[in-house]
């Protein structure tokens, strides 16, 4: 799993993916999802609870994150999310139930992280979020939102198997490129998996 995530993200942001590649992401215009001029740290992020995000296609996600990393003073956070023991869901309940779980995860992430998050699914049970303008000061807020998502997914609507999420977060640091920020987020995700899953870890310098 760890190696798979690294490989997926090395294809993101500036390196692209062949148009024939498979993905379960949805197409969406980015203008309504990414407000580069609005600061969403502190109190303002809490006010965005009612504004649901939507899934971005991979190309749009790459462009937005690449542009953010290209800005010397731009802040942001890359959040990598993995559905815990998703293979067990498919084995126990079938692939149709597994698809319903992924759609549920998608809805919950879009709802919980609000309209300021750029969200994409490179494939399978992996999701990646770019949280613009967020800094280390927002660490507790990110953990809180991951906790809310897990609470909802562990108590889903009837007919959908309960699941949990593991998430690793990396804040943009000076000199970051796609490889460095992905590597740190992936290391944080690995720590969550090693410590029992169902949680969020943030990288330290």
N, C-alpha and C. Protein backbone atom coordinates (compact mmCIF):
# COMPACT_ATOMS: atom_id res chain seq x y z
N UNK A 1 0.84 -1.21 0.00
CA UNK A 1 0.00 0.00 0.00
C UNK A 1 0.87 1.25 0.00
N UNK A 2 1.91 1.28 0.85
CA UNK A 2 2.76 2.45 0.97
C UNK A 2 3.45 2.76 -0.36
N UNK A 3 4.00 1.72 -0.98
CA UNK A 3 4.70 1.90 -2.25
C UNK A 3 3.74 2.31 -3.36
N UNK A 4 2.52 1.77 -3.30
CA UNK A 4 1.52 2.10 -4.33
C UNK A 4 1.17 3.57 -4.29
N UNK A 5 1.02 4.14 -3.09
CA UNK A 5 0.67 5.55 -2.97
C UNK A 5 1.79 6.43 -3.50
N UNK A 6 3.04 6.08 -3.19
CA UNK A 6 4.16 6.85 -3.72
C UNK A 6 4.13 6.85 -5.24
N UNK A 7 3.90 5.68 -5.83
CA UNK A 7 3.88 5.58 -7.30
C UNK A 7 2.77 6.42 -7.89
N UNK A 8 1.59 6.37 -7.28
CA UNK A 8 0.46 7.15 -7.79
C UNK A 8 0.77 8.64 -7.75
N UNK A 9 1.31 9.10 -6.65
CA UNK A 9 1.51 10.54 -6.53
C UNK A 9 2.71 11.04 -7.31
N UNK A 10 3.63 10.17 -7.62
CA UNK A 10 4.72 10.59 -8.49
C UNK A 10 4.21 10.90 -9.89
N UNK A 11 3.04 10.39 -10.22
CA UNK A 11 2.42 10.70 -11.51
C UNK A 11 1.64 12.00 -11.47
N UNK A 12 1.45 12.54 -10.27
CA UNK A 12 0.67 13.77 -10.11
C UNK A 12 1.54 15.00 -10.24
N UNK A 13 0.90 16.10 -10.46
CA UNK A 13 1.49 17.43 -10.35
C UNK A 13 2.73 17.60 -11.21
N UNK A 14 2.52 17.93 -12.45
CA UNK A 14 3.63 18.26 -13.32
C UNK A 14 4.13 17.11 -14.17
N UNK A 15 3.76 15.87 -13.81
CA UNK A 15 4.20 14.74 -14.62
C UNK A 15 3.07 14.18 -15.45
N UNK A 16 1.80 14.38 -14.97
CA UNK A 16 0.63 14.02 -15.75
C UNK A 16 0.40 12.53 -15.81
N UNK A 17 -0.70 12.17 -16.47
CA UNK A 17 -1.06 10.78 -16.68
C UNK A 17 -1.63 10.65 -18.09
N UNK A 18 -1.36 9.55 -18.73
CA UNK A 18 -1.88 9.32 -20.07
C UNK A 18 -3.40 9.32 -20.03
N UNK A 19 -3.98 9.88 -21.05
CA UNK A 19 -5.43 10.04 -21.07
C UNK A 19 -6.16 8.72 -21.07
N UNK A 20 -5.50 7.64 -21.44
CA UNK A 20 -6.15 6.33 -21.47
C UNK A 20 -6.17 5.65 -20.13
N UNK A 21 -5.53 6.24 -19.07
CA UNK A 21 -5.49 5.61 -17.77
C UNK A 21 -6.84 5.54 -17.12
N UNK A 22 -7.04 4.52 -16.26
CA UNK A 22 -8.31 4.35 -15.59
C UNK A 22 -8.34 5.17 -14.33
N UNK A 23 -9.50 5.71 -14.03
CA UNK A 23 -9.69 6.48 -12.81
C UNK A 23 -11.16 6.51 -12.49
N UNK A 24 -11.50 6.61 -11.18
CA UNK A 24 -12.91 6.69 -10.82
C UNK A 24 -13.29 8.10 -10.42
N UNK A 25 -12.49 9.09 -10.86
CA UNK A 25 -12.78 10.46 -10.51
C UNK A 25 -13.85 11.00 -11.44
N UNK A 26 -14.47 12.11 -11.00
CA UNK A 26 -15.50 12.76 -11.79
C UNK A 26 -14.98 14.07 -12.34
N UNK A 27 -15.45 14.45 -13.50
CA UNK A 27 -15.06 15.73 -14.07
C UNK A 27 -15.81 16.84 -13.37
N UNK A 28 -15.10 17.98 -13.18
CA UNK A 28 -15.73 19.12 -12.54
C UNK A 28 -14.94 20.36 -12.87
N UNK A 29 -15.63 21.47 -13.09
CA UNK A 29 -14.95 22.74 -13.31
C UNK A 29 -14.34 23.19 -12.00
N UNK A 30 -13.12 23.75 -12.05
CA UNK A 30 -12.42 24.09 -10.83
C UNK A 30 -12.82 25.43 -10.26
N UNK A 31 -13.41 26.30 -11.04
CA UNK A 31 -13.66 27.66 -10.57
C UNK A 31 -14.50 27.74 -9.32
N UNK A 32 -15.51 26.88 -9.20
CA UNK A 32 -16.39 26.93 -8.04
C UNK A 32 -15.80 26.23 -6.84
N UNK A 33 -14.66 25.55 -7.02
CA UNK A 33 -14.11 24.74 -5.95
C UNK A 33 -12.90 25.36 -5.29
N UNK A 34 -12.24 26.26 -5.96
CA UNK A 34 -10.96 26.75 -5.49
C UNK A 34 -10.94 28.26 -5.51
N UNK A 35 -11.00 28.85 -4.33
CA UNK A 35 -10.99 30.31 -4.22
C UNK A 35 -9.62 30.72 -3.70
N UNK A 36 -8.73 31.07 -4.59
CA UNK A 36 -7.35 31.33 -4.21
C UNK A 36 -7.19 32.58 -3.36
N UNK A 37 -8.19 33.46 -3.35
CA UNK A 37 -8.05 34.71 -2.62
C UNK A 37 -8.64 34.67 -1.21
N UNK A 38 -9.29 33.56 -0.85
CA UNK A 38 -9.95 33.50 0.44
C UNK A 38 -9.13 32.71 1.43
N UNK A 39 -8.85 33.28 2.59
CA UNK A 39 -8.09 32.61 3.62
C UNK A 39 -9.02 31.73 4.42
N UNK A 40 -8.73 30.43 4.48
CA UNK A 40 -9.64 29.53 5.16
C UNK A 40 -9.08 29.00 6.47
N UNK A 41 -8.02 29.63 6.98
CA UNK A 41 -7.52 29.21 8.27
C UNK A 41 -8.35 29.83 9.38
N UNK A 42 -8.20 29.29 10.59
CA UNK A 42 -8.87 29.86 11.75
C UNK A 42 -10.37 29.79 11.68
N UNK A 43 -11.03 30.91 12.05
CA UNK A 43 -12.49 30.91 12.15
C UNK A 43 -13.16 30.70 10.81
N UNK A 44 -12.57 31.19 9.73
CA UNK A 44 -13.25 31.12 8.44
C UNK A 44 -13.41 29.70 7.94
N UNK A 45 -12.48 28.80 8.31
CA UNK A 45 -12.64 27.42 7.86
C UNK A 45 -13.83 26.77 8.54
N UNK A 46 -14.13 27.15 9.78
CA UNK A 46 -15.26 26.59 10.48
C UNK A 46 -16.58 27.06 9.89
N UNK A 47 -16.56 28.21 9.23
CA UNK A 47 -17.78 28.74 8.64
C UNK A 47 -18.09 28.07 7.30
N UNK A 48 -17.17 27.25 6.79
CA UNK A 48 -17.38 26.63 5.48
C UNK A 48 -18.00 25.25 5.59
N UNK A 49 -18.46 24.86 6.81
CA UNK A 49 -19.00 23.53 7.01
C UNK A 49 -20.13 23.21 6.03
N UNK A 50 -20.97 24.21 5.73
CA UNK A 50 -22.15 23.94 4.92
C UNK A 50 -21.85 23.93 3.42
N UNK A 51 -20.66 24.34 3.03
CA UNK A 51 -20.31 24.39 1.61
C UNK A 51 -19.61 23.10 1.21
N UNK A 52 -20.30 22.23 0.49
CA UNK A 52 -19.73 20.95 0.11
C UNK A 52 -18.81 21.11 -1.10
N UNK A 53 -17.71 20.38 -1.07
CA UNK A 53 -16.81 20.35 -2.22
C UNK A 53 -17.33 19.33 -3.23
N UNK A 54 -16.65 19.24 -4.35
CA UNK A 54 -16.94 18.22 -5.35
C UNK A 54 -15.63 17.58 -5.79
N UNK A 55 -15.74 16.40 -6.38
CA UNK A 55 -14.54 15.73 -6.85
C UNK A 55 -13.99 16.42 -8.09
N UNK A 56 -12.67 16.59 -8.10
CA UNK A 56 -11.99 17.13 -9.27
C UNK A 56 -11.46 15.99 -10.13
N UNK A 57 -11.40 16.22 -11.43
CA UNK A 57 -10.70 15.28 -12.27
C UNK A 57 -9.19 15.43 -12.04
N UNK A 58 -8.43 14.42 -12.40
CA UNK A 58 -7.01 14.39 -12.09
C UNK A 58 -6.25 15.55 -12.71
N UNK A 59 -6.57 15.89 -13.95
CA UNK A 59 -5.85 16.97 -14.63
C UNK A 59 -6.04 18.30 -13.92
N UNK A 60 -7.27 18.59 -13.50
CA UNK A 60 -7.54 19.84 -12.79
C UNK A 60 -6.84 19.85 -11.44
N UNK A 61 -6.87 18.71 -10.75
CA UNK A 61 -6.20 18.62 -9.46
C UNK A 61 -4.70 18.88 -9.61
N UNK A 62 -4.09 18.25 -10.59
CA UNK A 62 -2.67 18.46 -10.86
C UNK A 62 -2.35 19.93 -11.09
N UNK A 63 -3.19 20.57 -11.89
CA UNK A 63 -2.93 21.97 -12.23
C UNK A 63 -3.01 22.85 -10.99
N UNK A 64 -4.03 22.66 -10.17
CA UNK A 64 -4.22 23.50 -8.99
C UNK A 64 -3.08 23.33 -7.99
N UNK A 65 -2.73 22.08 -7.70
CA UNK A 65 -1.65 21.83 -6.74
C UNK A 65 -0.32 22.30 -7.30
N UNK A 66 -0.10 22.06 -8.59
CA UNK A 66 1.14 22.52 -9.20
C UNK A 66 1.29 24.03 -9.14
N UNK A 67 0.20 24.75 -9.39
CA UNK A 67 0.24 26.20 -9.30
C UNK A 67 0.51 26.66 -7.88
N UNK A 68 -0.08 25.99 -6.91
CA UNK A 68 0.14 26.37 -5.51
C UNK A 68 1.59 26.13 -5.10
N UNK A 69 2.15 25.00 -5.50
CA UNK A 69 3.54 24.71 -5.16
C UNK A 69 4.50 25.64 -5.88
N UNK A 70 4.07 26.20 -6.99
CA UNK A 70 4.91 27.12 -7.75
C UNK A 70 4.96 28.52 -7.18
N UNK A 71 4.07 28.81 -6.24
CA UNK A 71 4.05 30.12 -5.58
C UNK A 71 4.93 30.09 -4.34
N UNK A 72 5.94 30.93 -4.31
CA UNK A 72 6.95 30.86 -3.25
C UNK A 72 6.36 31.02 -1.86
N UNK A 73 5.35 31.86 -1.70
CA UNK A 73 4.80 32.13 -0.37
C UNK A 73 3.44 31.48 -0.12
N UNK A 74 3.05 30.61 -1.02
CA UNK A 74 1.74 29.97 -0.91
C UNK A 74 1.77 28.89 0.17
N UNK A 75 0.74 28.89 1.02
CA UNK A 75 0.60 27.84 2.01
C UNK A 75 -0.35 26.77 1.48
N UNK A 76 -0.37 25.64 2.14
CA UNK A 76 -1.28 24.58 1.74
C UNK A 76 -0.93 23.29 2.45
N UNK A 77 -1.85 22.33 2.36
CA UNK A 77 -1.65 21.04 3.00
C UNK A 77 -2.11 19.94 2.06
N UNK A 78 -1.26 18.95 1.88
CA UNK A 78 -1.63 17.77 1.10
C UNK A 78 -2.05 16.67 2.06
N UNK A 79 -3.26 16.17 1.87
CA UNK A 79 -3.81 15.13 2.74
C UNK A 79 -4.05 13.87 1.92
N UNK A 80 -3.37 12.80 2.25
CA UNK A 80 -3.58 11.53 1.58
C UNK A 80 -4.45 10.65 2.47
N UNK A 81 -5.47 10.05 1.87
CA UNK A 81 -6.47 9.30 2.63
C UNK A 81 -6.62 7.91 2.04
N UNK A 82 -6.65 6.92 2.90
CA UNK A 82 -6.79 5.53 2.48
C UNK A 82 -7.93 4.89 3.27
N UNK A 83 -8.80 4.15 2.58
CA UNK A 83 -9.88 3.44 3.26
C UNK A 83 -9.31 2.19 3.91
N UNK A 84 -9.46 2.09 5.22
CA UNK A 84 -8.87 0.98 5.96
C UNK A 84 -9.51 -0.36 5.57
N UNK A 85 -8.65 -1.34 5.31
CA UNK A 85 -9.08 -2.72 5.05
C UNK A 85 -10.17 -2.79 3.98
N UNK A 86 -10.00 -2.01 2.93
CA UNK A 86 -11.03 -1.98 1.89
C UNK A 86 -11.14 -3.33 1.17
N UNK A 87 -10.04 -4.04 1.08
CA UNK A 87 -10.10 -5.36 0.42
C UNK A 87 -11.06 -6.28 1.17
N UNK A 88 -11.09 -6.16 2.50
CA UNK A 88 -12.01 -6.99 3.29
C UNK A 88 -13.46 -6.67 2.95
N UNK A 89 -13.75 -5.40 2.66
CA UNK A 89 -15.11 -5.01 2.30
C UNK A 89 -15.54 -5.73 1.03
N UNK A 90 -14.68 -5.72 0.03
CA UNK A 90 -14.99 -6.41 -1.22
C UNK A 90 -15.14 -7.92 -1.01
N UNK A 91 -14.27 -8.49 -0.18
CA UNK A 91 -14.31 -9.93 0.05
C UNK A 91 -15.57 -10.35 0.81
N UNK A 92 -15.97 -9.55 1.79
CA UNK A 92 -17.10 -9.92 2.65
C UNK A 92 -18.45 -9.55 2.07
N UNK A 93 -18.50 -8.39 1.40
CA UNK A 93 -19.79 -7.87 0.95
C UNK A 93 -19.95 -7.84 -0.57
N UNK A 94 -18.86 -8.00 -1.29
CA UNK A 94 -18.93 -7.96 -2.74
C UNK A 94 -18.52 -6.61 -3.31
N UNK A 95 -18.21 -6.60 -4.60
CA UNK A 95 -17.71 -5.39 -5.24
C UNK A 95 -18.77 -4.30 -5.34
N UNK A 96 -20.02 -4.68 -5.44
CA UNK A 96 -21.07 -3.68 -5.49
C UNK A 96 -21.12 -2.88 -4.19
N UNK A 97 -21.00 -3.59 -3.07
CA UNK A 97 -20.96 -2.90 -1.78
C UNK A 97 -19.69 -2.06 -1.67
N UNK A 98 -18.59 -2.58 -2.21
CA UNK A 98 -17.35 -1.81 -2.18
C UNK A 98 -17.49 -0.51 -2.95
N UNK A 99 -18.17 -0.55 -4.08
CA UNK A 99 -18.41 0.68 -4.84
C UNK A 99 -19.27 1.66 -4.07
N UNK A 100 -20.28 1.14 -3.36
CA UNK A 100 -21.14 2.01 -2.54
C UNK A 100 -20.33 2.67 -1.43
N UNK A 101 -19.39 1.91 -0.85
CA UNK A 101 -18.53 2.47 0.20
C UNK A 101 -17.69 3.62 -0.35
N UNK A 102 -17.10 3.42 -1.52
CA UNK A 102 -16.26 4.47 -2.10
C UNK A 102 -17.07 5.72 -2.41
N UNK A 103 -18.28 5.54 -2.90
CA UNK A 103 -19.13 6.71 -3.16
C UNK A 103 -19.50 7.41 -1.87
N UNK A 104 -19.71 6.63 -0.81
CA UNK A 104 -20.02 7.22 0.49
C UNK A 104 -18.83 8.00 1.03
N UNK A 105 -17.62 7.42 0.91
CA UNK A 105 -16.41 8.13 1.34
C UNK A 105 -16.26 9.43 0.58
N UNK A 106 -16.50 9.37 -0.71
CA UNK A 106 -16.41 10.56 -1.56
C UNK A 106 -17.36 11.66 -1.07
N UNK A 107 -18.60 11.29 -0.80
CA UNK A 107 -19.58 12.28 -0.33
C UNK A 107 -19.17 12.87 1.02
N UNK A 108 -18.71 12.01 1.92
CA UNK A 108 -18.35 12.47 3.25
C UNK A 108 -17.15 13.42 3.19
N UNK A 109 -16.13 13.09 2.43
CA UNK A 109 -14.97 13.97 2.32
C UNK A 109 -15.35 15.32 1.72
N UNK A 110 -16.18 15.29 0.69
CA UNK A 110 -16.61 16.54 0.06
C UNK A 110 -17.40 17.40 1.05
N UNK A 111 -18.23 16.76 1.85
CA UNK A 111 -19.06 17.49 2.80
C UNK A 111 -18.23 18.02 3.96
N UNK A 112 -17.40 17.17 4.54
CA UNK A 112 -16.66 17.54 5.75
C UNK A 112 -15.60 18.60 5.50
N UNK A 113 -14.92 18.50 4.35
CA UNK A 113 -13.84 19.44 4.10
C UNK A 113 -14.29 20.69 3.36
N UNK A 114 -15.52 20.74 2.92
CA UNK A 114 -16.07 21.98 2.41
C UNK A 114 -15.57 22.37 1.04
N UNK A 115 -16.11 23.48 0.57
CA UNK A 115 -15.87 23.92 -0.80
C UNK A 115 -14.49 24.46 -1.07
N UNK A 116 -13.63 24.55 -0.06
CA UNK A 116 -12.29 25.08 -0.27
C UNK A 116 -11.27 23.98 -0.49
N UNK A 117 -11.70 22.72 -0.38
CA UNK A 117 -10.79 21.60 -0.59
C UNK A 117 -10.84 21.14 -2.03
N UNK A 118 -9.68 20.86 -2.61
CA UNK A 118 -9.60 20.20 -3.90
C UNK A 118 -9.44 18.72 -3.63
N UNK A 119 -10.34 17.90 -4.14
CA UNK A 119 -10.36 16.48 -3.83
C UNK A 119 -10.31 15.67 -5.12
N UNK A 120 -9.49 14.62 -5.09
CA UNK A 120 -9.34 13.76 -6.26
C UNK A 120 -9.12 12.33 -5.78
N UNK A 121 -9.56 11.38 -6.58
CA UNK A 121 -9.25 9.97 -6.33
C UNK A 121 -8.42 9.44 -7.48
N UNK A 122 -7.11 9.26 -7.27
CA UNK A 122 -6.25 8.75 -8.34
C UNK A 122 -6.62 7.33 -8.75
N UNK A 123 -7.31 6.59 -7.89
CA UNK A 123 -7.71 5.24 -8.22
C UNK A 123 -7.93 4.40 -6.98
N UNK A 124 -8.76 3.40 -7.10
CA UNK A 124 -8.99 2.48 -5.99
C UNK A 124 -9.57 3.16 -4.78
N UNK A 125 -9.03 2.84 -3.60
CA UNK A 125 -9.56 3.37 -2.34
C UNK A 125 -8.69 4.49 -1.80
N UNK A 126 -7.95 5.15 -2.67
CA UNK A 126 -7.08 6.25 -2.28
C UNK A 126 -7.70 7.57 -2.69
N UNK A 127 -7.68 8.53 -1.77
CA UNK A 127 -8.16 9.87 -2.05
C UNK A 127 -7.06 10.86 -1.66
N UNK A 128 -6.98 11.96 -2.37
CA UNK A 128 -6.00 12.99 -2.05
C UNK A 128 -6.70 14.33 -2.04
N UNK A 129 -6.37 15.14 -1.04
CA UNK A 129 -6.98 16.46 -0.88
C UNK A 129 -5.89 17.51 -0.82
N UNK A 130 -6.13 18.63 -1.50
CA UNK A 130 -5.26 19.79 -1.35
C UNK A 130 -6.07 20.86 -0.63
N UNK A 131 -5.59 21.24 0.54
CA UNK A 131 -6.27 22.21 1.39
C UNK A 131 -5.50 23.52 1.29
N UNK A 132 -5.98 24.40 0.44
CA UNK A 132 -5.24 25.63 0.15
C UNK A 132 -5.24 26.56 1.34
N UNK A 133 -4.17 27.33 1.44
CA UNK A 133 -4.01 28.37 2.45
C UNK A 133 -3.83 27.84 3.87
N UNK A 134 -3.79 26.53 4.06
CA UNK A 134 -3.71 25.98 5.41
C UNK A 134 -2.27 25.82 5.84
N UNK A 135 -2.00 26.13 7.11
CA UNK A 135 -0.66 26.05 7.67
C UNK A 135 -0.67 25.17 8.92
N UNK A 136 0.47 25.08 9.58
CA UNK A 136 0.57 24.28 10.80
C UNK A 136 -0.44 24.75 11.86
N UNK A 137 -0.85 26.00 11.80
CA UNK A 137 -1.83 26.50 12.76
C UNK A 137 -3.17 25.78 12.64
N UNK A 138 -3.42 25.16 11.51
CA UNK A 138 -4.69 24.49 11.26
C UNK A 138 -4.64 22.99 11.53
N UNK A 139 -3.56 22.53 12.17
CA UNK A 139 -3.38 21.09 12.39
C UNK A 139 -4.55 20.48 13.17
N UNK A 140 -4.96 21.13 14.25
CA UNK A 140 -6.06 20.59 15.05
C UNK A 140 -7.36 20.55 14.26
N UNK A 141 -7.56 21.53 13.39
CA UNK A 141 -8.78 21.56 12.59
C UNK A 141 -8.80 20.41 11.59
N UNK A 142 -7.66 20.09 11.01
CA UNK A 142 -7.59 18.98 10.08
C UNK A 142 -7.88 17.67 10.80
N UNK A 143 -7.27 17.48 11.96
CA UNK A 143 -7.54 16.27 12.74
C UNK A 143 -9.02 16.18 13.10
N UNK A 144 -9.60 17.32 13.46
CA UNK A 144 -11.02 17.33 13.83
C UNK A 144 -11.89 16.88 12.67
N UNK A 145 -11.58 17.36 11.49
CA UNK A 145 -12.41 17.02 10.33
C UNK A 145 -12.24 15.56 9.93
N UNK A 146 -11.04 15.04 10.02
CA UNK A 146 -10.85 13.62 9.75
C UNK A 146 -11.64 12.80 10.77
N UNK A 147 -11.66 13.25 12.03
CA UNK A 147 -12.44 12.56 13.04
C UNK A 147 -13.92 12.57 12.74
N UNK A 148 -14.42 13.70 12.25
CA UNK A 148 -15.84 13.79 11.86
C UNK A 148 -16.13 12.83 10.72
N UNK A 149 -15.24 12.79 9.73
CA UNK A 149 -15.43 11.88 8.60
C UNK A 149 -15.47 10.43 9.07
N UNK A 150 -14.57 10.07 9.97
CA UNK A 150 -14.55 8.70 10.46
C UNK A 150 -15.81 8.37 11.26
N UNK A 151 -16.29 9.31 12.04
CA UNK A 151 -17.52 9.06 12.79
C UNK A 151 -18.69 8.77 11.86
N UNK A 152 -18.79 9.54 10.79
CA UNK A 152 -19.88 9.33 9.84
C UNK A 152 -19.74 8.00 9.10
N UNK A 153 -18.52 7.65 8.73
CA UNK A 153 -18.32 6.43 7.97
C UNK A 153 -18.45 5.18 8.83
N UNK A 154 -18.21 5.31 10.12
CA UNK A 154 -18.39 4.18 11.02
C UNK A 154 -19.86 3.99 11.40
N UNK A 155 -20.68 5.00 11.09
CA UNK A 155 -22.12 4.91 11.33
C UNK A 155 -22.85 5.32 10.06
N UNK A 156 -22.71 4.52 8.99
CA UNK A 156 -23.25 4.90 7.67
C UNK A 156 -24.74 4.66 7.56
N UNK A 157 -25.29 5.05 6.43
CA UNK A 157 -26.69 4.76 6.13
C UNK A 157 -26.88 3.25 6.01
N UNK A 158 -28.10 2.83 6.17
CA UNK A 158 -28.42 1.40 6.09
C UNK A 158 -27.98 0.83 4.75
N UNK A 159 -27.41 -0.35 4.80
CA UNK A 159 -27.00 -1.03 3.58
C UNK A 159 -25.58 -0.77 3.16
N UNK A 160 -24.89 0.17 3.81
CA UNK A 160 -23.50 0.47 3.47
C UNK A 160 -22.60 -0.03 4.60
N UNK A 161 -21.63 -0.88 4.32
CA UNK A 161 -20.74 -1.39 5.36
C UNK A 161 -19.94 -0.25 6.02
N UNK A 162 -19.75 -0.32 7.33
CA UNK A 162 -18.95 0.71 8.00
C UNK A 162 -17.47 0.55 7.67
N UNK A 163 -16.80 1.68 7.51
CA UNK A 163 -15.36 1.69 7.27
C UNK A 163 -14.75 2.86 8.03
N UNK A 164 -13.44 2.88 8.07
CA UNK A 164 -12.73 4.02 8.65
C UNK A 164 -11.65 4.47 7.68
N UNK A 165 -11.11 5.65 7.95
CA UNK A 165 -10.08 6.24 7.10
C UNK A 165 -8.80 6.44 7.89
N UNK A 166 -7.69 6.24 7.21
CA UNK A 166 -6.39 6.67 7.71
C UNK A 166 -5.91 7.81 6.83
N UNK A 167 -5.36 8.84 7.44
CA UNK A 167 -4.96 10.03 6.68
C UNK A 167 -3.59 10.51 7.12
N UNK A 168 -2.81 10.94 6.16
CA UNK A 168 -1.51 11.55 6.44
C UNK A 168 -1.45 12.92 5.82
N UNK A 169 -1.00 13.90 6.59
CA UNK A 169 -1.01 15.28 6.14
C UNK A 169 0.41 15.85 6.12
N UNK A 170 0.69 16.64 5.09
CA UNK A 170 1.96 17.34 4.98
C UNK A 170 1.70 18.79 4.60
N UNK A 171 2.20 19.71 5.40
CA UNK A 171 2.06 21.13 5.09
C UNK A 171 3.17 21.55 4.14
N UNK A 172 2.83 22.43 3.25
CA UNK A 172 3.79 22.91 2.27
C UNK A 172 4.91 23.68 3.00
N UNK A 173 6.14 23.31 2.70
CA UNK A 173 7.31 23.97 3.25
C UNK A 173 8.09 24.64 2.13
N UNK A 174 8.93 25.58 2.49
CA UNK A 174 9.73 26.28 1.50
C UNK A 174 10.57 25.30 0.69
N UNK A 175 10.53 25.42 -0.61
CA UNK A 175 11.31 24.56 -1.48
C UNK A 175 10.63 23.25 -1.84
N UNK A 176 9.40 23.05 -1.38
CA UNK A 176 8.69 21.80 -1.68
C UNK A 176 8.41 21.65 -3.17
N UNK A 177 8.50 20.42 -3.65
CA UNK A 177 7.95 20.06 -4.94
C UNK A 177 7.00 18.88 -4.70
N UNK A 178 6.46 18.33 -5.77
CA UNK A 178 5.47 17.26 -5.60
C UNK A 178 6.05 16.05 -4.89
N UNK A 179 7.28 15.70 -5.22
CA UNK A 179 7.88 14.53 -4.59
C UNK A 179 8.07 14.70 -3.09
N UNK A 180 8.57 15.84 -2.68
CA UNK A 180 8.88 16.03 -1.26
C UNK A 180 7.63 16.09 -0.40
N UNK A 181 6.60 16.80 -0.85
CA UNK A 181 5.40 16.91 -0.04
C UNK A 181 4.62 15.59 -0.02
N UNK A 182 4.64 14.87 -1.14
CA UNK A 182 3.98 13.56 -1.19
C UNK A 182 4.69 12.57 -0.27
N UNK A 183 6.00 12.61 -0.27
CA UNK A 183 6.77 11.70 0.57
C UNK A 183 6.44 11.91 2.04
N UNK A 184 6.34 13.17 2.47
CA UNK A 184 6.04 13.43 3.88
C UNK A 184 4.62 13.01 4.23
N UNK A 185 3.67 13.30 3.35
CA UNK A 185 2.28 12.89 3.61
C UNK A 185 2.17 11.38 3.66
N UNK A 186 2.90 10.70 2.80
CA UNK A 186 2.87 9.25 2.76
C UNK A 186 3.48 8.65 4.03
N UNK A 187 4.55 9.26 4.53
CA UNK A 187 5.16 8.80 5.77
C UNK A 187 4.20 8.95 6.94
N UNK A 188 3.46 10.05 6.96
CA UNK A 188 2.48 10.26 8.02
C UNK A 188 1.36 9.22 7.93
N UNK A 189 0.91 8.94 6.72
CA UNK A 189 -0.12 7.94 6.53
C UNK A 189 0.36 6.57 6.99
N UNK A 190 1.60 6.24 6.69
CA UNK A 190 2.16 4.97 7.10
C UNK A 190 2.16 4.83 8.62
N UNK A 191 2.46 5.93 9.33
CA UNK A 191 2.45 5.89 10.79
C UNK A 191 1.06 5.59 11.34
N UNK A 192 0.04 6.16 10.69
CA UNK A 192 -1.33 5.86 11.11
C UNK A 192 -1.63 4.38 10.92
N UNK A 193 -1.26 3.84 9.79
CA UNK A 193 -1.51 2.43 9.51
C UNK A 193 -0.79 1.54 10.53
N UNK A 194 0.43 1.91 10.87
CA UNK A 194 1.21 1.11 11.79
C UNK A 194 0.67 1.18 13.22
N UNK A 195 0.02 2.28 13.57
CA UNK A 195 -0.47 2.47 14.94
C UNK A 195 -1.91 2.07 15.14
N UNK A 196 -2.52 1.43 14.15
CA UNK A 196 -3.86 0.92 14.34
C UNK A 196 -4.92 1.47 13.42
N UNK A 197 -4.56 2.36 12.51
CA UNK A 197 -5.50 2.90 11.54
C UNK A 197 -6.53 3.85 12.19
N UNK A 198 -7.46 4.32 11.35
CA UNK A 198 -8.57 5.17 11.80
C UNK A 198 -8.08 6.41 12.53
N UNK A 199 -7.37 7.27 11.82
CA UNK A 199 -6.87 8.48 12.43
C UNK A 199 -6.13 9.34 11.44
N UNK A 200 -5.48 10.36 11.95
CA UNK A 200 -4.73 11.30 11.11
C UNK A 200 -3.42 11.66 11.77
N UNK A 201 -2.36 11.60 11.02
CA UNK A 201 -1.04 12.03 11.48
C UNK A 201 -0.56 13.16 10.59
N UNK A 202 0.16 14.09 11.20
CA UNK A 202 0.72 15.20 10.44
C UNK A 202 2.23 15.15 10.54
N UNK A 203 2.89 15.46 9.44
CA UNK A 203 4.35 15.40 9.42
C UNK A 203 4.93 16.52 10.26
N UNK A 204 6.09 16.23 10.83
CA UNK A 204 6.85 17.25 11.55
C UNK A 204 8.11 17.53 10.76
N UNK A 205 8.67 18.70 10.98
CA UNK A 205 9.87 19.08 10.24
C UNK A 205 11.07 18.24 10.68
